[in-house]
Amino acid sequence: MSPARSRVAALGSSPTAVLVIVCLGVFSTALDQTVVVAALPSVMVDLEIPLTDLDRASWIVTAYLVSYTVAMPLAGRLSDVYGRVRMFQAALVLFAIGSALVAIAPNFEWVVAARVLQAFGGGATVPIGLAMAVGVVAPERRGVALGIVAASAEAGSVLGPLYGGGIIELLGWRWIFWLDVPQSFLLIALLLILRNYANPNAKMDYFGALMLGAALTVLTMGLAQRSIFSGESLVPYAMIGFGVFLIAVLILFERRAVQPLFASFLYTSKAFVSSNITQFMVGVALIISLVGVPLMAATVMEKEPWQSALQAIPVGALVGGYILRWTGVRLVGIVGLAFVGKGLLFMSGWEAEVEEVRLTMPLVMAGLGFGLVIPAITVSALSAAPSTYWGAAASLVTASRMVGMALGLATLSAWGIERFYSLTADVTIGASYAATEAPLIEAGVTVFQNLFMISGFLSLFAIVPALLMRVEDAEEPEEANLFA
């Protein structure tokens, strides 16, 4: 038995037990990616945030996504260095502390700061969990393992608004976050049955992680400015330019680092690069679906903010992971993207009044498509890295989607509001229904149609980089271990 396999055997638990613990962890933290979508109206009322500041309030969501994303490369590499079990536990402690701080928040600024800390812990669980899942199964079953973990994470994201709505009805929005605390410490206790393995030869690139976090934060803040689409201010363009400059500095530094965050074998791999580009585009389309669908339902359609059909995402992830061994990553990825693109383009034809079939079928199609591409992208990306870099590789490919989600949400908020204002500039408030409400609803429908159409075409365009995805056979260094 190889040293890597012997250490897996020494964990004291079966692969099933490891997968169950990992899945519970990523599900719990993924809930909080979207749970605040349902809580946002209650939070705005409780903290006295006016509706006119919706783009500012969206930072309760955006700040979580940005911090979640920044945490991934740092945590993924830290788990390669100090051990995945201990870093998973540390991530859950941070998540619990952040959740408790959100629950006691007295104002908007406190909520945003606490969400940043909460997300830093939550974001760390995903890449570490993916690396742990890959390490406890045979290579031919990695697609299934990753599909199960991905399905758990997606189930958390999709069920977040539904879960949040139920808790709000029963106990109030603050209890959404209070309940995170006991859940986290239960998982920490379960992780004690697993052995931790550190790698004394591995080093952490802290400067690279800091520069990446700064670049992502500045870029997202620049894109979140409403004036970026009106041209009224040069500030957002300056922020975007500074973010690009930070990325350039990061690239130069990474080339000289002994053990860089972005190891050279990752960005020279066609499989890894194409997987990350595809993942970024999927992230943009996913956040517009998760946020745009319930918003359109609750505003211009006057329906409950339903999105139960998007529960097809975890189903698609399980199916995609299972069939990978026969179809290969490229075919599954392309089919999934085609489903997403067609589903979103069907959504772009929604009006204020649409029959039930036309509402449900595109959601099911898009949901299945999102699920199918997840294990295909992850297997392709992780195949480019040796086991001693699985944490870093998993974090980077997951972060690519989160970057797409964060930037997509920022753009959705800024561009959507600016587009709505431009369409309603001539509407006179206080006139008859025909002169006020009808044009406002029509403008809202147009904005959502535009967003879904852009996302649909972007998803179809993502097929181009997906054509380069494949499973590579990364060379293992001597004495590599799966939980290093």
Protein backbone atom coordinates (compact mmCIF):
# COMPACT_ATOMS: atom_id res chain seq x y z
CA MET A 1 0.00 0.00 0.00
CA SER A 2 1.35 3.49 -0.89
CA PRO A 3 2.15 5.98 1.89
CA ALA A 4 -0.81 8.09 0.79
CA ARG A 5 -3.24 5.18 0.92
CA SER A 6 -1.89 3.91 4.24
CA ARG A 7 -2.53 7.28 5.80
CA VAL A 8 -6.07 7.31 4.46
CA ALA A 9 -6.59 3.90 5.98
CA ALA A 10 -5.27 5.23 9.29
CA LEU A 11 -8.04 7.81 9.51
CA GLY A 12 -10.07 5.40 11.57
CA SER A 13 -13.20 6.00 9.51
CA SER A 14 -14.63 4.68 6.28
CA PRO A 15 -14.79 6.87 3.15
CA THR A 16 -18.54 7.05 3.71
CA ALA A 17 -18.05 8.54 7.19
CA VAL A 18 -15.58 11.12 5.85
CA LEU A 19 -17.94 12.09 3.02
CA VAL A 20 -20.90 12.41 5.40
CA ILE A 21 -18.97 14.79 7.69
CA VAL A 22 -17.67 16.83 4.76
CA CYS A 23 -21.11 17.04 3.16
CA LEU A 24 -22.73 18.20 6.39
CA GLY A 25 -20.06 20.88 6.74
CA VAL A 26 -20.33 22.31 3.23
CA PHE A 27 -24.14 22.13 3.33
CA SER A 28 -24.29 24.07 6.58
CA THR A 29 -21.96 26.84 5.40
CA ALA A 30 -23.44 27.00 1.89
CA LEU A 31 -26.87 27.78 3.34
CA ASP A 32 -25.53 31.16 4.40
CA GLN A 33 -24.49 32.09 0.85
CA THR A 34 -28.14 32.64 -0.07
CA VAL A 35 -30.11 32.43 3.20
CA VAL A 36 -29.83 36.19 3.54
CA VAL A 37 -31.77 36.63 0.28
CA ALA A 38 -34.90 35.69 2.22
CA ALA A 39 -33.77 37.61 5.30
CA LEU A 40 -32.78 40.81 3.49
CA PRO A 41 -36.21 42.51 3.63
CA SER A 42 -36.50 41.80 7.39
CA VAL A 43 -32.91 42.94 7.98
CA MET A 44 -33.54 46.19 6.08
CA VAL A 45 -36.66 46.91 8.14
CA ASP A 46 -35.05 45.98 11.47
CA LEU A 47 -31.91 48.02 10.80
CA GLU A 48 -33.86 50.89 9.18
CA ILE A 49 -32.26 50.67 5.74
CA PRO A 50 -34.49 52.47 3.17
CA LEU A 51 -35.50 50.73 -0.06
CA THR A 52 -33.69 53.42 -2.03
CA ASP A 53 -30.43 52.03 -0.58
CA LEU A 54 -31.01 48.54 -2.01
CA ASP A 55 -27.71 48.62 -3.90
CA ARG A 56 -25.94 49.46 -0.59
CA ALA A 57 -27.87 46.77 1.27
CA SER A 58 -26.81 44.22 -1.36
CA TRP A 59 -23.36 44.33 0.29
CA ILE A 60 -24.79 42.11 3.02
CA VAL A 61 -24.76 39.46 0.28
CA THR A 62 -21.82 40.71 -1.76
CA ALA A 63 -19.48 41.07 1.24
CA TYR A 64 -20.15 37.43 2.12
CA LEU A 65 -19.38 36.30 -1.43
CA VAL A 66 -16.18 38.35 -1.62
CA SER A 67 -14.88 37.13 1.75
CA TYR A 68 -16.00 33.57 0.93
CA THR A 69 -13.96 33.79 -2.27
CA VAL A 70 -10.86 35.34 -0.68
CA ALA A 71 -10.83 32.65 2.03
CA MET A 72 -10.67 29.77 -0.45
CA PRO A 73 -7.11 30.09 -1.84
CA LEU A 74 -5.75 30.91 1.62
CA ALA A 75 -7.56 28.05 3.36
CA GLY A 76 -6.96 25.56 0.58
CA ARG A 77 -3.20 26.02 0.68
CA LEU A 78 -3.15 26.20 4.50
CA SER A 79 -4.82 22.77 4.53
CA ASP A 80 -2.06 21.44 2.25
CA VAL A 81 0.51 22.75 4.74
CA TYR A 82 -1.02 22.24 8.19
CA GLY A 83 -3.49 19.42 7.56
CA ARG A 84 -7.04 19.36 6.23
CA VAL A 85 -8.85 18.08 9.31
CA ARG A 86 -7.51 20.81 11.61
CA MET A 87 -8.11 23.55 9.05
CA PHE A 88 -11.67 22.33 8.52
CA GLN A 89 -12.23 22.62 12.28
CA ALA A 90 -10.65 26.07 12.41
CA ALA A 91 -12.90 27.20 9.55
CA LEU A 92 -16.01 26.05 11.41
CA VAL A 93 -14.92 27.96 14.54
CA LEU A 94 -14.62 31.18 12.52
CA PHE A 95 -17.97 30.50 10.87
CA ALA A 96 -19.66 30.04 14.26
CA ILE A 97 -18.14 33.23 15.71
CA GLY A 98 -19.18 35.23 12.64
CA SER A 99 -22.70 33.82 12.78
CA ALA A 100 -23.09 34.81 16.44
CA LEU A 101 -21.90 38.33 15.64
CA VAL A 102 -24.46 38.66 12.84
CA ALA A 103 -27.19 37.50 15.24
CA ILE A 104 -26.46 40.32 17.70
CA ALA A 105 -25.82 43.01 15.07
CA PRO A 106 -27.19 46.46 16.04
CA ASN A 107 -26.64 48.15 12.66
CA PHE A 108 -25.87 47.69 8.97
CA GLU A 109 -22.10 48.16 9.25
CA TRP A 110 -21.92 45.52 12.01
CA VAL A 111 -23.85 43.03 9.85
CA VAL A 112 -21.49 43.49 6.90
CA ALA A 113 -18.36 43.14 9.06
CA ALA A 114 -19.73 40.03 10.80
CA ARG A 115 -20.73 38.50 7.46
CA VAL A 116 -17.14 38.96 6.26
CA LEU A 117 -15.82 36.94 9.24
CA GLN A 118 -18.59 34.35 8.87
CA ALA A 119 -17.85 33.92 5.17
CA PHE A 120 -14.12 33.57 5.77
CA GLY A 121 -14.84 30.45 7.79
CA GLY A 122 -17.57 29.20 5.48
CA GLY A 123 -15.50 29.66 2.33
CA ALA A 124 -12.67 27.61 3.76
CA THR A 125 -14.81 24.48 4.19
CA VAL A 126 -15.51 23.94 0.49
CA PRO A 127 -12.00 23.46 -0.99
CA ILE A 128 -10.83 21.55 2.08
CA GLY A 129 -13.90 19.31 1.85
CA LEU A 130 -13.33 18.68 -1.86
CA ALA A 131 -9.69 17.73 -1.23
CA MET A 132 -10.73 15.38 1.59
CA ALA A 133 -13.37 13.75 -0.62
CA VAL A 134 -10.89 13.14 -3.44
CA GLY A 135 -8.43 11.61 -0.98
CA VAL A 136 -10.67 8.86 0.41
CA VAL A 137 -11.83 7.27 -2.84
CA ALA A 138 -10.19 5.48 -5.75
CA PRO A 139 -9.41 7.65 -8.82
CA GLU A 140 -12.25 6.14 -10.87
CA ARG A 141 -14.77 7.14 -8.20
CA ARG A 142 -13.62 10.73 -7.73
CA GLY A 143 -16.38 12.04 -9.97
CA VAL A 144 -19.00 10.41 -7.73
CA ALA A 145 -17.37 11.73 -4.53
CA LEU A 146 -17.05 15.24 -5.90
CA GLY A 147 -20.61 15.06 -7.20
CA ILE A 148 -21.88 14.17 -3.72
CA VAL A 149 -19.96 17.02 -2.07
CA ALA A 150 -20.99 19.46 -4.81
CA ALA A 151 -24.62 18.35 -4.50
CA SER A 152 -24.49 19.05 -0.76
CA ALA A 153 -23.04 22.52 -1.31
CA GLU A 154 -25.56 23.32 -4.05
CA ALA A 155 -28.42 21.99 -1.96
CA GLY A 156 -27.36 24.41 0.75
CA SER A 157 -27.23 27.33 -1.70
CA VAL A 158 -30.57 26.49 -3.30
CA LEU A 159 -32.39 25.75 -0.04
CA GLY A 160 -30.95 28.82 1.68
CA PRO A 161 -33.86 31.19 0.87
CA LEU A 162 -36.46 28.51 1.70
CA TYR A 163 -34.74 27.64 4.99
CA GLY A 164 -34.33 31.30 5.85
CA GLY A 165 -37.97 32.06 5.10
CA GLY A 166 -39.13 29.28 7.44
CA ILE A 167 -36.89 30.41 10.31
CA ILE A 168 -38.01 34.03 9.86
CA GLU A 169 -41.66 33.04 10.04
CA LEU A 170 -41.14 31.03 13.23
CA LEU A 171 -38.41 32.84 15.15
CA GLY A 172 -37.16 35.94 13.30
CA TRP A 173 -34.16 36.60 11.06
CA ARG A 174 -31.55 36.63 13.84
CA TRP A 175 -32.24 32.97 14.65
CA ILE A 176 -31.03 31.99 11.19
CA PHE A 177 -27.54 32.81 12.43
CA TRP A 178 -27.92 31.66 16.05
CA LEU A 179 -28.68 28.15 14.75
CA ASP A 180 -25.35 28.08 12.88
CA VAL A 181 -23.44 27.99 16.17
CA PRO A 182 -24.51 24.58 17.57
CA GLN A 183 -24.41 23.06 14.08
CA SER A 184 -20.79 24.15 13.66
CA PHE A 185 -19.59 22.82 17.02
CA LEU A 186 -21.33 19.49 16.42
CA LEU A 187 -19.37 19.12 13.17
CA ILE A 188 -16.14 20.10 14.95
CA ALA A 189 -16.74 17.28 17.42
CA LEU A 190 -17.40 14.78 14.61
CA LEU A 191 -14.11 15.75 12.93
CA LEU A 192 -12.23 14.61 16.04
CA ILE A 193 -12.56 11.00 14.83
CA LEU A 194 -10.28 11.80 11.86
CA ARG A 195 -6.50 12.02 12.05
CA ASN A 196 -4.74 15.15 10.85
CA TYR A 197 -1.58 15.13 8.71
CA ALA A 198 0.60 18.21 8.27
CA ASN A 199 3.28 18.59 5.61
CA PRO A 200 6.46 20.07 7.16
CA ASN A 201 8.00 20.56 3.71
CA ALA A 202 5.15 22.75 2.40
CA LYS A 203 5.08 26.53 2.81
CA MET A 204 2.26 29.07 2.74
CA ASP A 205 2.34 32.01 0.31
CA TYR A 206 0.77 34.65 2.59
CA PHE A 207 1.69 37.60 0.38
CA GLY A 208 0.02 35.99 -2.62
CA ALA A 209 -3.14 35.33 -0.62
CA LEU A 210 -3.17 38.94 0.64
CA MET A 211 -2.74 40.39 -2.85
CA LEU A 212 -5.44 38.13 -4.27
CA GLY A 213 -7.89 39.17 -1.54
CA ALA A 214 -7.15 42.87 -2.08
CA ALA A 215 -7.58 42.55 -5.86
CA LEU A 216 -10.90 40.72 -5.61
CA THR A 217 -12.25 43.19 -3.05
CA VAL A 218 -11.30 46.29 -5.05
CA LEU A 219 -12.60 44.88 -8.35
CA THR A 220 -15.96 43.93 -6.85
CA MET A 221 -16.37 47.29 -5.12
CA GLY A 222 -15.65 49.04 -8.40
CA LEU A 223 -18.22 47.01 -10.31
CA ALA A 224 -20.78 47.56 -7.55
CA GLN A 225 -20.82 51.31 -8.13
CA ARG A 226 -24.02 52.39 -9.88
CA SER A 227 -22.16 55.18 -11.70
CA ILE A 228 -20.08 52.67 -13.67
CA PHE A 229 -22.94 52.42 -16.17
CA SER A 230 -23.99 56.08 -16.15
CA GLY A 231 -20.51 57.57 -16.51
CA GLU A 232 -21.20 60.12 -13.76
CA SER A 233 -17.99 59.32 -11.86
CA LEU A 234 -14.50 58.07 -12.60
CA VAL A 235 -14.18 56.39 -9.18
CA PRO A 236 -15.39 52.91 -10.24
CA TYR A 237 -13.07 52.91 -13.24
CA ALA A 238 -10.15 53.89 -11.01
CA MET A 239 -11.00 51.08 -8.60
CA ILE A 240 -11.19 48.54 -11.42
CA GLY A 241 -7.87 49.77 -12.79
CA PHE A 242 -6.28 49.44 -9.34
CA GLY A 243 -7.67 45.91 -9.03
CA VAL A 244 -6.12 44.96 -12.37
CA PHE A 245 -2.82 46.49 -11.21
CA LEU A 246 -2.89 44.35 -8.05
CA ILE A 247 -3.47 41.24 -10.16
CA ALA A 248 -0.44 42.16 -12.31
CA VAL A 249 1.69 42.56 -9.16
CA LEU A 250 0.41 39.21 -7.91
CA ILE A 251 1.35 37.47 -11.16
CA LEU A 252 4.88 38.92 -11.08
CA PHE A 253 5.39 37.90 -7.45
CA GLU A 254 4.00 34.41 -8.00
CA ARG A 255 6.56 33.73 -10.71
CA ARG A 256 9.38 34.26 -8.20
CA ALA A 257 7.88 32.57 -5.13
CA VAL A 258 9.41 29.24 -4.08
CA GLN A 259 6.03 27.66 -3.29
CA PRO A 260 3.51 30.07 -4.82
CA LEU A 261 -0.21 30.10 -4.19
CA PHE A 262 -0.66 29.73 -7.94
CA ALA A 263 1.79 26.92 -8.67
CA SER A 264 3.15 27.09 -12.23
CA PHE A 265 1.89 23.62 -13.13
CA LEU A 266 -1.67 24.86 -12.54
CA TYR A 267 -1.81 27.84 -14.88
CA THR A 268 0.19 26.05 -17.59
CA SER A 269 -2.34 23.19 -17.60
CA LYS A 270 -5.02 23.45 -20.30
CA ALA A 271 -7.37 21.39 -18.13
CA PHE A 272 -6.95 23.68 -15.12
CA VAL A 273 -7.13 26.99 -16.99
CA SER A 274 -10.11 26.00 -19.14
CA SER A 275 -11.95 24.65 -16.08
CA ASN A 276 -11.47 27.94 -14.22
CA ILE A 277 -12.63 30.08 -17.14
CA THR A 278 -15.72 27.89 -17.54
CA GLN A 279 -16.36 28.01 -13.80
CA PHE A 280 -16.21 31.82 -13.76
CA MET A 281 -18.88 32.10 -16.44
CA VAL A 282 -21.05 29.53 -14.65
CA GLY A 283 -20.80 31.64 -11.48
CA VAL A 284 -22.17 34.74 -13.22
CA ALA A 285 -25.13 32.82 -14.64
CA LEU A 286 -25.79 31.02 -11.35
CA ILE A 287 -26.05 34.13 -9.16
CA ILE A 288 -28.35 35.84 -11.64
CA SER A 289 -30.59 32.77 -11.55
CA LEU A 290 -30.54 32.41 -7.75
CA VAL A 291 -31.21 36.10 -7.11
CA GLY A 292 -33.04 37.21 -10.27
CA VAL A 293 -35.69 34.48 -10.31
CA PRO A 294 -37.14 35.09 -6.81
CA LEU A 295 -36.83 38.87 -7.24
CA MET A 296 -38.77 38.81 -10.50
CA ALA A 297 -41.39 36.54 -8.96
CA ALA A 298 -41.88 38.74 -5.90
CA THR A 299 -41.89 42.09 -7.72
CA VAL A 300 -43.24 42.17 -11.26
CA MET A 301 -45.05 38.80 -11.16
CA GLU A 302 -46.58 39.27 -7.68
CA LYS A 303 -45.91 35.62 -6.81
CA GLU A 304 -44.23 33.93 -3.88
CA PRO A 305 -40.44 34.01 -4.41
CA TRP A 306 -40.43 30.40 -5.58
CA GLN A 307 -37.35 28.69 -6.87
CA SER A 308 -37.96 25.09 -5.82
CA ALA A 309 -37.30 23.91 -9.37
CA LEU A 310 -33.66 25.01 -8.94
CA GLN A 311 -33.36 22.11 -6.52
CA ALA A 312 -32.52 20.19 -9.69
CA ILE A 313 -28.96 21.52 -9.23
CA PRO A 314 -27.92 18.88 -6.64
CA VAL A 315 -29.71 16.21 -8.70
CA GLY A 316 -27.68 17.24 -11.73
CA ALA A 317 -24.46 17.19 -9.67
CA LEU A 318 -25.11 13.61 -8.54
CA VAL A 319 -25.97 12.47 -12.06
CA GLY A 320 -22.99 14.29 -13.57
CA GLY A 321 -20.55 12.82 -11.05
CA TYR A 322 -21.89 9.30 -11.59
CA ILE A 323 -21.70 9.27 -15.40
CA LEU A 324 -18.28 10.93 -15.69
CA ARG A 325 -16.43 7.62 -15.75
CA TRP A 326 -18.22 6.65 -18.98
CA THR A 327 -18.75 9.97 -20.75
CA GLY A 328 -15.71 12.01 -19.76
CA VAL A 329 -15.63 15.54 -18.37
CA ARG A 330 -15.89 17.37 -21.69
CA LEU A 331 -19.20 15.88 -22.84
CA VAL A 332 -20.89 16.27 -19.45
CA GLY A 333 -19.69 19.86 -19.19
CA ILE A 334 -20.91 20.82 -22.67
CA VAL A 335 -24.33 19.22 -22.18
CA GLY A 336 -24.70 20.95 -18.81
CA LEU A 337 -23.81 24.36 -20.27
CA ALA A 338 -26.25 23.85 -23.14
CA PHE A 339 -29.01 23.11 -20.63
CA VAL A 340 -28.15 26.23 -18.62
CA GLY A 341 -28.01 28.45 -21.69
CA LYS A 342 -31.31 27.23 -23.13
CA GLY A 343 -33.04 27.45 -19.76
CA LEU A 344 -31.94 31.06 -19.23
CA LEU A 345 -32.89 32.05 -22.75
CA PHE A 346 -36.37 30.61 -22.15
CA MET A 347 -36.52 32.68 -18.95
CA SER A 348 -35.70 35.81 -20.98
CA GLY A 349 -39.10 35.38 -22.60
CA TRP A 350 -41.02 35.54 -19.31
CA GLU A 351 -43.66 38.26 -19.01
CA ALA A 352 -45.46 39.57 -15.93
CA GLU A 353 -48.04 36.80 -16.42
CA VAL A 354 -46.75 33.39 -17.49
CA GLU A 355 -48.37 29.97 -17.34
CA GLU A 356 -46.95 27.50 -14.81
CA VAL A 357 -45.28 25.18 -17.33
CA ARG A 358 -43.29 28.03 -18.86
CA LEU A 359 -42.16 29.00 -15.37
CA THR A 360 -41.09 25.56 -14.18
CA MET A 361 -39.51 23.90 -17.21
CA PRO A 362 -36.72 26.46 -17.80
CA LEU A 363 -35.84 26.32 -14.10
CA VAL A 364 -35.59 22.54 -14.15
CA MET A 365 -33.49 22.66 -17.32
CA ALA A 366 -31.12 25.31 -15.96
CA GLY A 367 -30.93 23.58 -12.57
CA LEU A 368 -29.94 20.25 -14.11
CA GLY A 369 -27.39 22.01 -16.29
CA PHE A 370 -25.76 23.83 -13.36
CA GLY A 371 -25.54 20.53 -11.51
CA LEU A 372 -24.03 18.61 -14.43
CA VAL A 373 -21.13 21.00 -14.97
CA ILE A 374 -19.96 21.11 -11.33
CA PRO A 375 -18.29 17.66 -10.99
CA ALA A 376 -17.01 17.81 -14.57
CA ILE A 377 -15.22 21.11 -13.94
CA THR A 378 -13.86 20.01 -10.56
CA VAL A 379 -12.53 16.64 -11.75
CA SER A 380 -10.83 18.31 -14.73
CA ALA A 381 -9.20 20.94 -12.51
CA LEU A 382 -8.03 18.64 -9.72
CA SER A 383 -6.55 16.17 -12.18
CA ALA A 384 -3.91 18.80 -13.03
CA ALA A 385 -2.55 18.89 -9.46
CA PRO A 386 -0.62 16.33 -7.38
CA SER A 387 -2.20 15.32 -4.08
CA THR A 388 0.00 17.77 -2.11
CA TYR A 389 -1.69 20.64 -3.97
CA TRP A 390 -5.30 19.37 -4.01
CA GLY A 391 -6.37 21.89 -1.38
CA ALA A 392 -4.97 24.80 -3.38
CA ALA A 393 -6.33 23.50 -6.69
CA ALA A 394 -9.81 22.89 -5.25
CA SER A 395 -9.82 26.34 -3.68
CA LEU A 396 -8.87 28.10 -6.90
CA VAL A 397 -11.43 26.38 -9.09
CA THR A 398 -14.15 26.96 -6.50
CA ALA A 399 -13.03 30.58 -6.07
CA SER A 400 -13.40 31.11 -9.81
CA ARG A 401 -17.11 30.48 -9.57
CA MET A 402 -17.42 32.64 -6.47
CA VAL A 403 -15.62 35.48 -8.28
CA GLY A 404 -18.17 35.13 -11.06
CA MET A 405 -21.00 35.15 -8.50
CA ALA A 406 -19.65 38.18 -6.62
CA LEU A 407 -19.00 40.20 -9.75
CA GLY A 408 -22.27 39.03 -11.28
CA LEU A 409 -24.24 40.14 -8.22
CA ALA A 410 -22.46 43.49 -8.12
CA THR A 411 -23.14 44.06 -11.81
CA LEU A 412 -26.73 42.87 -11.44
CA SER A 413 -27.36 45.39 -8.67
CA ALA A 414 -25.64 48.34 -10.32
CA TRP A 415 -26.61 47.78 -13.95
CA GLY A 416 -30.13 46.56 -13.12
CA ILE A 417 -30.95 49.66 -11.06
CA GLU A 418 -29.43 52.01 -13.63
CA ARG A 419 -31.30 50.27 -16.45
CA PHE A 420 -34.57 50.47 -14.51
CA TYR A 421 -34.10 54.20 -13.85
CA SER A 422 -33.39 54.87 -17.51
CA LEU A 423 -36.53 53.00 -18.58
CA THR A 424 -38.74 54.85 -16.09
CA ALA A 425 -37.26 58.34 -16.45
CA ASP A 426 -40.41 59.66 -18.12
CA VAL A 427 -42.90 58.04 -15.71
CA THR A 428 -44.86 60.54 -13.58
CA ILE A 429 -45.54 59.28 -10.05
CA GLY A 430 -49.08 59.86 -8.78
CA ALA A 431 -50.86 59.66 -12.12
CA SER A 432 -53.29 56.90 -13.13
CA TYR A 433 -52.44 53.19 -13.08
CA ALA A 434 -51.85 53.16 -16.82
CA ALA A 435 -49.41 56.04 -16.51
CA THR A 436 -47.46 54.80 -13.48
CA GLU A 437 -47.69 51.19 -12.29
CA ALA A 438 -48.02 49.58 -15.72
CA PRO A 439 -44.86 51.26 -17.12
CA LEU A 440 -42.95 50.43 -13.93
CA ILE A 441 -43.88 46.75 -14.20
CA GLU A 442 -43.02 46.75 -17.90
CA ALA A 443 -39.61 48.28 -17.13
CA GLY A 444 -38.98 45.67 -14.43
CA VAL A 445 -39.85 42.85 -16.81
CA THR A 446 -37.47 44.29 -19.42
CA VAL A 447 -34.58 44.46 -16.92
CA PHE A 448 -35.02 40.83 -15.87
CA GLN A 449 -35.40 39.69 -19.48
CA ASN A 450 -32.14 41.45 -20.37
CA LEU A 451 -30.30 39.86 -17.43
CA PHE A 452 -31.51 36.35 -18.26
CA MET A 453 -30.67 36.77 -21.94
CA ILE A 454 -27.13 37.99 -21.25
CA SER A 455 -26.57 35.11 -18.81
CA GLY A 456 -27.96 32.60 -21.30
CA PHE A 457 -25.61 33.65 -24.06
CA LEU A 458 -22.69 33.76 -21.61
CA SER A 459 -23.45 30.16 -20.60
CA LEU A 460 -23.48 29.02 -24.21
CA PHE A 461 -20.23 30.89 -24.87
CA ALA A 462 -18.70 29.00 -21.91
CA ILE A 463 -18.84 25.88 -24.09
CA VAL A 464 -15.75 27.21 -25.91
CA PRO A 465 -13.34 26.87 -22.95
CA ALA A 466 -15.19 23.70 -21.86
CA LEU A 467 -14.02 22.06 -25.08
CA LEU A 468 -10.49 22.08 -23.61
CA MET A 469 -11.43 20.37 -20.33
CA ARG A 470 -9.97 16.89 -19.82
CA VAL A 471 -8.56 14.58 -17.16
CA GLU A 472 -4.80 14.93 -16.84
CA ASP A 473 -2.48 12.56 -15.00
CA ALA A 474 -0.54 14.82 -12.63
CA GLU A 475 2.84 13.52 -11.53
CA GLU A 476 3.00 12.73 -7.81
CA PRO A 477 6.03 13.92 -5.82
CA GLU A 478 7.71 11.38 -3.58
CA GLU A 479 5.98 10.67 -0.25
CA ALA A 480 2.96 12.75 -1.25
CA ASN A 481 0.06 12.20 1.06
CA LEU A 482 -3.59 12.90 0.51
CA PHE A 483 -4.15 14.76 3.75
CA ALA A 484 -0.87 16.67 3.80
